[in-house]
Amino acid sequence: MDSNLNGTLDTYSYLDLEVNAEEQIHCFGLLSPTHALKVQPDRAIEIQQQLLHLQQTGGLLCGHNIRRFDRRYLIRQWSELNDLLLLDTLELSVLAFPLEPSHKLQKDYKLSDYASNDPLEDARATRFLLERILQTLLEKPESLRQAYVWLLTCGNEPGDRAYQQLFQNLDWQATVPPDYTDLPQTATTGMDQGYLMQLWQPAPSGAARFSFDHRFTLAALLAWNHERHAAQTSQAPSIWLNHLPDSQTVLDALLPVTPEGLTYQPYFKEFDIKCFRPPQEEAVQAIISGKNPLILMPTGGGKSLCYQLPALMYYRQQWGLTVCISPRASLDGRSGCRFRIRRIELFYLHQ
């Protein structure tokens, strides 16, 4: 990491909060260019003054999961801090390290998971993580990095404004969408090209077509798709994306369970059948459409296929998880054999 970038990161402030079971802040940790503070609530005014100054001067406040966790506690305590510009290293970790199973902040100072958190040390760990993230993003294909920059800055929401400042400081600006055809094929393989093109074009007014969370989810899925193809792994997308309100909408559009031109014939071969029995197709289509059908069929009529086929389709297209509740353990066993042959992981809980 060059000294210029280190110097830029040292101009930012880094915050971590410890919140108790009553959802009250019981300790603050703040690392700024001029202060390193670890204070209890009785000295919270010191944190407030630092953050008010940061907001008034247009500085950036960085934290791990700060946008969706710490911020709500800050605003609850000091509503005047509503306009703080926030960088979230949890968001950026999903872009830089999309195949990592967890994006928890690494706390090397803790001797065990049961040791107490130190919010000032966590603020320092956030500073180190941001450096590592930016170094990793710098090593990505330039067209892909420019796509991330554009997707995270092409609107006018608070998240856009924070990342505009970050990327401007790094000279990673993208005022127009990068050429879609320049993206690595590994990033777009298997995705619905029509939906990608729709997302890629700005609205006629010049404003972003979609919300910040929507665009961030797209950037995260592009990062995941690129890395999983490059690494030739079947790793699923980060489960953290499920916290974003638009994640399933974007996933359904990018990786539809029933893409255009779908035929069930390959699935029939896998299940060693020639066609649907009534009313299997109607039931399968209802489940895939997000409905909750009640299916009554006689013993041996093919009820299992009604949930096994959608489960397999969701797994193949979206790495989806299916939970099946059955009163018959023997039924679980027969179904499990079929999925194990297809190298699909199964877990049983018996009562």
Protein backbone atom coordinates (compact mmCIF):
# COMPACT_ATOMS: atom_id res chain seq x y z
CA MET A 1 0.00 0.00 0.00
CA ASP A 2 1.60 3.30 -1.07
CA SER A 3 2.16 6.17 1.34
CA ASN A 4 -0.35 8.42 -0.45
CA LEU A 5 -3.16 5.97 0.19
CA ASN A 6 -2.06 5.47 3.78
CA GLY A 7 -2.11 9.23 4.19
CA THR A 8 -5.64 9.40 2.78
CA LEU A 9 -6.91 6.71 5.14
CA ASP A 10 -5.38 8.55 8.08
CA THR A 11 -7.59 11.56 7.33
CA TYR A 12 -10.75 9.53 7.99
CA SER A 13 -12.35 8.75 11.36
CA TYR A 14 -13.20 5.24 12.55
CA LEU A 15 -15.97 4.42 15.03
CA ASP A 16 -17.16 1.37 16.93
CA LEU A 17 -19.96 1.13 19.49
CA GLU A 18 -20.65 -1.43 22.18
CA VAL A 19 -24.38 -1.84 22.77
CA ASN A 20 -25.83 -3.68 25.78
CA ALA A 21 -28.85 -5.98 26.03
CA GLU A 22 -31.08 -2.96 26.69
CA GLU A 23 -29.91 -1.54 23.35
CA GLN A 24 -28.07 1.32 25.02
CA ILE A 25 -24.57 2.38 24.01
CA HIS A 26 -22.29 1.54 26.93
CA CYS A 27 -18.92 2.26 25.34
CA PHE A 28 -17.59 4.29 22.38
CA GLY A 29 -14.36 3.84 20.46
CA LEU A 30 -13.26 6.60 18.07
CA LEU A 31 -10.03 6.85 16.10
CA SER A 32 -9.64 10.19 14.31
CA PRO A 33 -6.69 12.12 12.85
CA THR A 34 -6.35 13.94 16.17
CA HIS A 35 -7.87 11.66 18.82
CA ALA A 36 -7.99 8.05 20.03
CA LEU A 37 -10.95 7.86 22.41
CA LYS A 38 -12.47 5.05 24.42
CA VAL A 39 -15.19 6.53 26.60
CA GLN A 40 -18.18 5.51 28.68
CA PRO A 41 -21.59 7.21 28.37
CA ASP A 42 -20.70 9.83 31.02
CA ARG A 43 -18.10 11.23 28.58
CA ALA A 44 -20.18 10.74 25.45
CA ILE A 45 -20.13 14.50 24.75
CA GLU A 46 -16.50 14.10 23.62
CA ILE A 47 -17.64 11.71 20.89
CA GLN A 48 -20.57 13.95 19.99
CA GLN A 49 -18.31 16.96 19.51
CA GLN A 50 -15.89 15.01 17.34
CA LEU A 51 -18.69 13.65 15.14
CA LEU A 52 -20.43 17.03 14.81
CA HIS A 53 -17.15 18.57 13.65
CA LEU A 54 -16.69 15.69 11.20
CA GLN A 55 -20.18 16.21 9.78
CA GLN A 56 -19.73 19.99 9.48
CA THR A 57 -16.44 19.59 7.60
CA GLY A 58 -17.77 16.86 5.28
CA GLY A 59 -15.37 14.22 6.57
CA LEU A 60 -15.87 10.46 6.27
CA LEU A 61 -16.74 8.21 9.21
CA CYS A 62 -15.87 4.55 8.74
CA GLY A 63 -17.14 1.56 10.69
CA HIS A 64 -17.83 -2.14 10.32
CA ASN A 65 -21.57 -2.55 9.72
CA ILE A 66 -21.94 1.11 10.64
CA ARG A 67 -24.63 1.88 8.05
CA ARG A 68 -27.12 -0.72 9.27
CA PHE A 69 -26.16 -1.16 12.94
CA ASP A 70 -24.15 1.60 14.64
CA ARG A 71 -25.88 4.42 12.79
CA ARG A 72 -29.31 3.75 14.25
CA TYR A 73 -27.96 3.96 17.80
CA LEU A 74 -26.03 7.14 17.00
CA ILE A 75 -29.10 8.81 15.51
CA ARG A 76 -31.26 7.66 18.39
CA GLN A 77 -28.89 9.41 20.77
CA TRP A 78 -27.96 12.42 18.61
CA SER A 79 -30.44 13.07 15.80
CA GLU A 80 -28.36 16.03 14.62
CA LEU A 81 -25.81 13.54 13.22
CA ASN A 82 -28.20 12.34 10.55
CA ASP A 83 -26.06 13.71 7.69
CA LEU A 84 -22.79 11.97 8.54
CA LEU A 85 -21.09 10.42 5.50
CA LEU A 86 -20.50 6.74 6.29
CA LEU A 87 -18.11 4.18 4.83
CA ASP A 88 -18.96 0.62 5.75
CA THR A 89 -16.14 -1.94 5.70
CA LEU A 90 -18.68 -4.76 5.95
CA GLU A 91 -20.18 -3.69 2.63
CA LEU A 92 -16.77 -3.32 1.04
CA SER A 93 -15.63 -6.71 2.41
CA VAL A 94 -18.42 -8.39 0.46
CA LEU A 95 -17.02 -6.83 -2.72
CA ALA A 96 -13.34 -7.49 -2.00
CA PHE A 97 -13.68 -10.97 -0.48
CA PRO A 98 -16.95 -12.39 -1.87
CA LEU A 99 -16.06 -16.05 -1.26
CA GLU A 100 -15.21 -15.68 2.43
CA PRO A 101 -17.82 -17.49 4.56
CA SER A 102 -17.86 -14.71 7.16
CA HIS A 103 -17.20 -10.99 7.08
CA LYS A 104 -16.81 -10.47 10.81
CA LEU A 105 -14.24 -7.93 11.90
CA GLN A 106 -10.98 -9.66 12.77
CA LYS A 107 -10.08 -8.88 16.39
CA ASP A 108 -6.56 -10.15 16.95
CA TYR A 109 -6.37 -8.55 20.39
CA LYS A 110 -8.98 -10.99 21.76
CA LEU A 111 -7.53 -14.18 23.23
CA SER A 112 -10.89 -15.95 22.80
CA ASP A 113 -14.38 -15.32 21.44
CA TYR A 114 -15.56 -14.89 25.03
CA ALA A 115 -13.19 -12.02 25.79
CA SER A 116 -14.69 -8.53 26.00
CA ASN A 117 -14.72 -6.28 22.96
CA ASP A 118 -12.61 -3.14 22.97
CA PRO A 119 -14.31 -0.52 20.75
CA LEU A 120 -11.12 1.51 20.25
CA GLU A 121 -9.23 -1.59 19.16
CA ASP A 122 -12.15 -2.43 16.89
CA ALA A 123 -11.90 1.05 15.36
CA ARG A 124 -8.20 0.41 14.71
CA ALA A 125 -9.07 -3.00 13.21
CA THR A 126 -11.56 -1.25 10.92
CA ARG A 127 -8.81 1.11 9.72
CA PHE A 128 -6.58 -1.87 8.95
CA LEU A 129 -9.41 -3.71 7.20
CA LEU A 130 -10.20 -0.72 4.97
CA GLU A 131 -6.57 -0.64 3.89
CA ARG A 132 -6.65 -4.36 3.08
CA ILE A 133 -9.93 -4.00 1.17
CA LEU A 134 -8.66 -1.17 -1.02
CA GLN A 135 -5.44 -3.00 -1.75
CA THR A 136 -7.45 -6.06 -2.82
CA LEU A 137 -9.82 -4.02 -4.99
CA LEU A 138 -6.82 -2.38 -6.62
CA GLU A 139 -5.72 -5.83 -7.80
CA LYS A 140 -9.07 -6.64 -9.45
CA PRO A 141 -9.57 -6.23 -13.22
CA GLU A 142 -9.87 -2.51 -13.87
CA SER A 143 -13.18 -2.80 -15.73
CA LEU A 144 -14.70 -4.71 -12.82
CA ARG A 145 -13.40 -2.21 -10.26
CA GLN A 146 -14.80 0.64 -12.34
CA ALA A 147 -18.15 -1.15 -12.42
CA TYR A 148 -18.18 -1.29 -8.61
CA VAL A 149 -17.28 2.40 -8.43
CA TRP A 150 -20.05 3.39 -10.83
CA LEU A 151 -22.71 1.24 -9.15
CA LEU A 152 -21.87 2.65 -5.71
CA THR A 153 -21.74 6.31 -6.79
CA CYS A 154 -24.25 6.89 -9.61
CA GLY A 155 -27.07 8.02 -7.30
CA ASN A 156 -27.55 10.78 -4.75
CA GLU A 157 -28.28 8.79 -1.59
CA PRO A 158 -26.04 9.14 1.49
CA GLY A 159 -24.21 5.96 0.57
CA ASP A 160 -23.49 7.31 -2.91
CA ARG A 161 -22.12 10.56 -1.53
CA ALA A 162 -19.79 8.79 0.90
CA TYR A 163 -18.35 6.51 -1.78
CA GLN A 164 -18.08 9.40 -4.24
CA GLN A 165 -15.71 11.07 -1.81
CA LEU A 166 -13.74 7.89 -1.11
CA PHE A 167 -13.25 7.00 -4.75
CA GLN A 168 -12.49 10.59 -5.73
CA ASN A 169 -9.69 10.61 -3.15
CA LEU A 170 -8.37 7.39 -4.70
CA ASP A 171 -8.80 8.68 -8.27
CA TRP A 172 -11.14 5.76 -9.02
CA GLN A 173 -13.96 7.89 -10.42
CA ALA A 174 -16.51 6.63 -12.94
CA THR A 175 -18.84 9.42 -14.05
CA VAL A 176 -20.35 7.27 -16.82
CA PRO A 177 -21.07 3.54 -16.86
CA PRO A 178 -18.06 1.47 -17.92
CA ASP A 179 -18.51 -0.30 -21.22
CA TYR A 180 -20.63 -3.32 -20.40
CA THR A 181 -18.76 -5.48 -22.92
CA ASP A 182 -15.45 -4.78 -21.16
CA LEU A 183 -16.51 -6.63 -18.02
CA PRO A 184 -14.75 -9.96 -17.47
CA GLN A 185 -16.84 -12.82 -18.82
CA THR A 186 -16.42 -14.52 -15.44
CA ALA A 187 -18.48 -11.72 -13.86
CA THR A 188 -21.52 -12.04 -16.12
CA THR A 189 -21.60 -15.72 -17.12
CA GLY A 190 -24.95 -17.32 -16.30
CA MET A 191 -26.67 -14.03 -15.51
CA ASP A 192 -29.69 -12.60 -17.29
CA GLN A 193 -28.14 -10.26 -19.82
CA GLY A 194 -31.32 -8.29 -20.44
CA TYR A 195 -31.68 -7.42 -16.77
CA LEU A 196 -28.00 -6.49 -16.55
CA MET A 197 -28.40 -4.12 -19.47
CA GLN A 198 -31.47 -2.57 -17.85
CA LEU A 199 -29.52 -1.96 -14.65
CA TRP A 200 -26.56 -0.63 -16.58
CA GLN A 201 -28.36 2.22 -18.29
CA PRO A 202 -29.00 5.45 -16.34
CA ALA A 203 -32.52 6.86 -16.28
CA PRO A 204 -33.33 9.56 -18.90
CA SER A 205 -33.19 12.15 -16.12
CA GLY A 206 -29.60 11.12 -15.38
CA ALA A 207 -30.55 9.83 -11.93
CA ALA A 208 -29.95 6.27 -10.85
CA ARG A 209 -32.71 3.86 -11.82
CA PHE A 210 -32.41 1.85 -8.63
CA SER A 211 -31.73 2.38 -4.93
CA PHE A 212 -28.25 2.23 -3.41
CA ASP A 213 -28.99 -1.15 -1.80
CA HIS A 214 -30.24 -2.51 -5.13
CA ARG A 215 -27.09 -1.36 -6.94
CA PHE A 216 -24.83 -2.59 -4.16
CA THR A 217 -26.44 -6.05 -4.34
CA LEU A 218 -25.73 -6.14 -8.07
CA ALA A 219 -22.09 -5.16 -7.47
CA ALA A 220 -21.76 -7.88 -4.80
CA LEU A 221 -23.24 -10.54 -7.08
CA LEU A 222 -20.92 -9.53 -9.93
CA ALA A 223 -17.98 -9.82 -7.51
CA TRP A 224 -19.15 -13.24 -6.34
CA ASN A 225 -19.80 -14.50 -9.87
CA HIS A 226 -16.35 -13.38 -11.01
CA GLU A 227 -14.53 -14.94 -8.06
CA ARG A 228 -16.41 -18.23 -8.09
CA HIS A 229 -15.73 -18.75 -11.79
CA ALA A 230 -12.10 -17.72 -11.44
CA ALA A 231 -11.66 -20.09 -8.48
CA GLN A 232 -13.89 -22.80 -10.05
CA THR A 233 -15.88 -23.18 -6.84
CA SER A 234 -19.56 -23.71 -6.08
CA GLN A 235 -19.46 -21.28 -3.12
CA ALA A 236 -22.82 -19.57 -2.61
CA PRO A 237 -23.20 -15.77 -2.46
CA SER A 238 -22.59 -14.12 0.90
CA ILE A 239 -25.49 -14.75 3.26
CA TRP A 240 -25.05 -11.18 4.52
CA LEU A 241 -26.77 -9.98 1.35
CA ASN A 242 -30.00 -11.41 2.75
CA HIS A 243 -30.07 -8.42 5.12
CA LEU A 244 -30.60 -6.05 2.19
CA PRO A 245 -34.24 -5.45 1.24
CA ASP A 246 -33.68 -5.83 -2.51
CA SER A 247 -31.36 -8.86 -2.46
CA GLN A 248 -33.90 -11.54 -3.41
CA THR A 249 -35.41 -9.29 -6.09
CA VAL A 250 -32.00 -8.79 -7.69
CA LEU A 251 -31.11 -12.47 -7.35
CA ASP A 252 -34.39 -13.58 -8.96
CA ALA A 253 -33.81 -11.20 -11.87
CA LEU A 254 -30.12 -11.99 -12.41
CA LEU A 255 -30.36 -15.74 -11.85
CA PRO A 256 -34.01 -16.62 -12.53
CA VAL A 257 -35.10 -20.09 -11.45
CA THR A 258 -37.05 -20.39 -14.69
CA PRO A 259 -34.92 -18.62 -17.31
CA GLU A 260 -36.24 -17.96 -20.78
CA GLY A 261 -36.34 -21.15 -22.83
CA LEU A 262 -36.48 -23.39 -19.76
CA THR A 263 -37.37 -27.02 -20.40
CA TYR A 264 -37.97 -29.59 -17.69
CA GLN A 265 -36.53 -32.43 -19.77
CA PRO A 266 -33.03 -32.38 -18.16
CA TYR A 267 -34.67 -32.55 -14.74
CA PHE A 268 -36.91 -35.43 -15.84
CA LYS A 269 -33.79 -37.39 -16.75
CA GLU A 270 -32.25 -36.69 -13.35
CA PHE A 271 -35.37 -37.96 -11.59
CA ASP A 272 -35.68 -40.85 -14.07
CA ILE A 273 -39.19 -39.92 -15.19
CA LYS A 274 -40.62 -39.10 -18.61
CA CYS A 275 -43.10 -36.38 -17.72
CA PHE A 276 -45.18 -34.81 -14.98
CA ARG A 277 -48.18 -36.53 -13.48
CA PRO A 278 -51.25 -34.44 -12.72
CA PRO A 279 -51.06 -32.07 -10.83
CA GLN A 280 -47.26 -32.04 -10.35
CA GLU A 281 -46.49 -29.35 -12.94
CA GLU A 282 -49.13 -27.00 -11.53
CA ALA A 283 -47.74 -27.52 -8.02
CA VAL A 284 -44.11 -26.97 -9.10
CA GLN A 285 -44.97 -23.79 -10.98
CA ALA A 286 -46.96 -22.47 -8.02
CA ILE A 287 -44.01 -23.00 -5.65
CA ILE A 288 -41.54 -21.37 -8.04
CA SER A 289 -43.93 -18.42 -8.38
CA GLY A 290 -43.75 -17.86 -4.62
CA LYS A 291 -47.20 -19.24 -3.84
CA ASN A 292 -48.05 -21.63 -1.02
CA PRO A 293 -50.06 -24.46 -2.60
CA LEU A 294 -51.84 -27.21 -0.66
CA ILE A 295 -51.34 -30.41 -2.65
CA LEU A 296 -53.48 -33.50 -2.00
CA MET A 297 -52.33 -36.65 -3.81
CA PRO A 298 -52.70 -40.39 -3.09
CA THR A 299 -49.85 -42.50 -1.73
CA GLY A 300 -47.41 -43.15 -4.54
CA GLY A 301 -48.86 -40.28 -6.58
CA GLY A 302 -45.60 -38.31 -6.73
CA LYS A 303 -45.96 -35.74 -3.95
CA SER A 304 -42.20 -35.71 -3.25
CA LEU A 305 -41.37 -34.41 -6.71
CA CYS A 306 -43.51 -31.35 -6.03
CA TYR A 307 -40.95 -30.05 -3.52
CA GLN A 308 -37.83 -31.89 -4.67
CA LEU A 309 -37.85 -30.39 -8.16
CA PRO A 310 -38.24 -26.73 -7.00
CA ALA A 311 -35.57 -27.39 -4.37
CA LEU A 312 -33.15 -28.65 -7.01
CA MET A 313 -33.97 -25.75 -9.34
CA TYR A 314 -33.40 -23.14 -6.63
CA TYR A 315 -30.15 -24.82 -5.64
CA ARG A 316 -28.86 -24.97 -9.21
CA GLN A 317 -29.78 -21.39 -10.09
CA GLN A 318 -29.39 -19.53 -6.81
CA TRP A 319 -27.71 -21.89 -4.33
CA GLY A 320 -31.01 -21.74 -2.47
CA LEU A 321 -31.72 -23.52 0.81
CA THR A 322 -34.87 -25.66 1.11
CA VAL A 323 -36.27 -26.80 4.46
CA CYS A 324 -38.47 -29.88 4.24
CA ILE A 325 -40.57 -30.99 7.23
CA SER A 326 -41.72 -34.60 6.88
CA PRO A 327 -43.44 -36.98 9.32
CA ARG A 328 -41.72 -39.96 7.72
CA ALA A 329 -38.01 -40.61 8.24
CA SER A 330 -38.05 -43.27 5.52
CA LEU A 331 -39.20 -40.66 3.02
CA ASP A 332 -36.23 -38.48 4.00
CA GLY A 333 -33.87 -41.36 3.33
CA ARG A 334 -35.14 -42.13 -0.16
CA SER A 335 -35.14 -38.46 -1.13
CA GLY A 336 -31.68 -37.95 0.32
CA CYS A 337 -30.10 -40.64 -1.84
CA ARG A 338 -31.16 -38.83 -5.00
CA PHE A 339 -29.66 -35.53 -3.88
CA ARG A 340 -26.42 -37.03 -2.63
CA ILE A 341 -25.87 -38.56 -6.06
CA ARG A 342 -26.05 -34.98 -7.39
CA ARG A 343 -23.49 -33.82 -4.78
CA ILE A 344 -26.04 -31.67 -2.98
CA GLU A 345 -25.47 -31.30 0.76
CA LEU A 346 -28.22 -32.56 3.04
CA PHE A 347 -28.68 -32.23 6.78
CA TYR A 348 -31.23 -34.10 8.90
CA LEU A 349 -32.82 -33.23 12.21
CA HIS A 350 -34.84 -36.10 13.67
CA GLN A 351 -37.19 -35.89 16.64
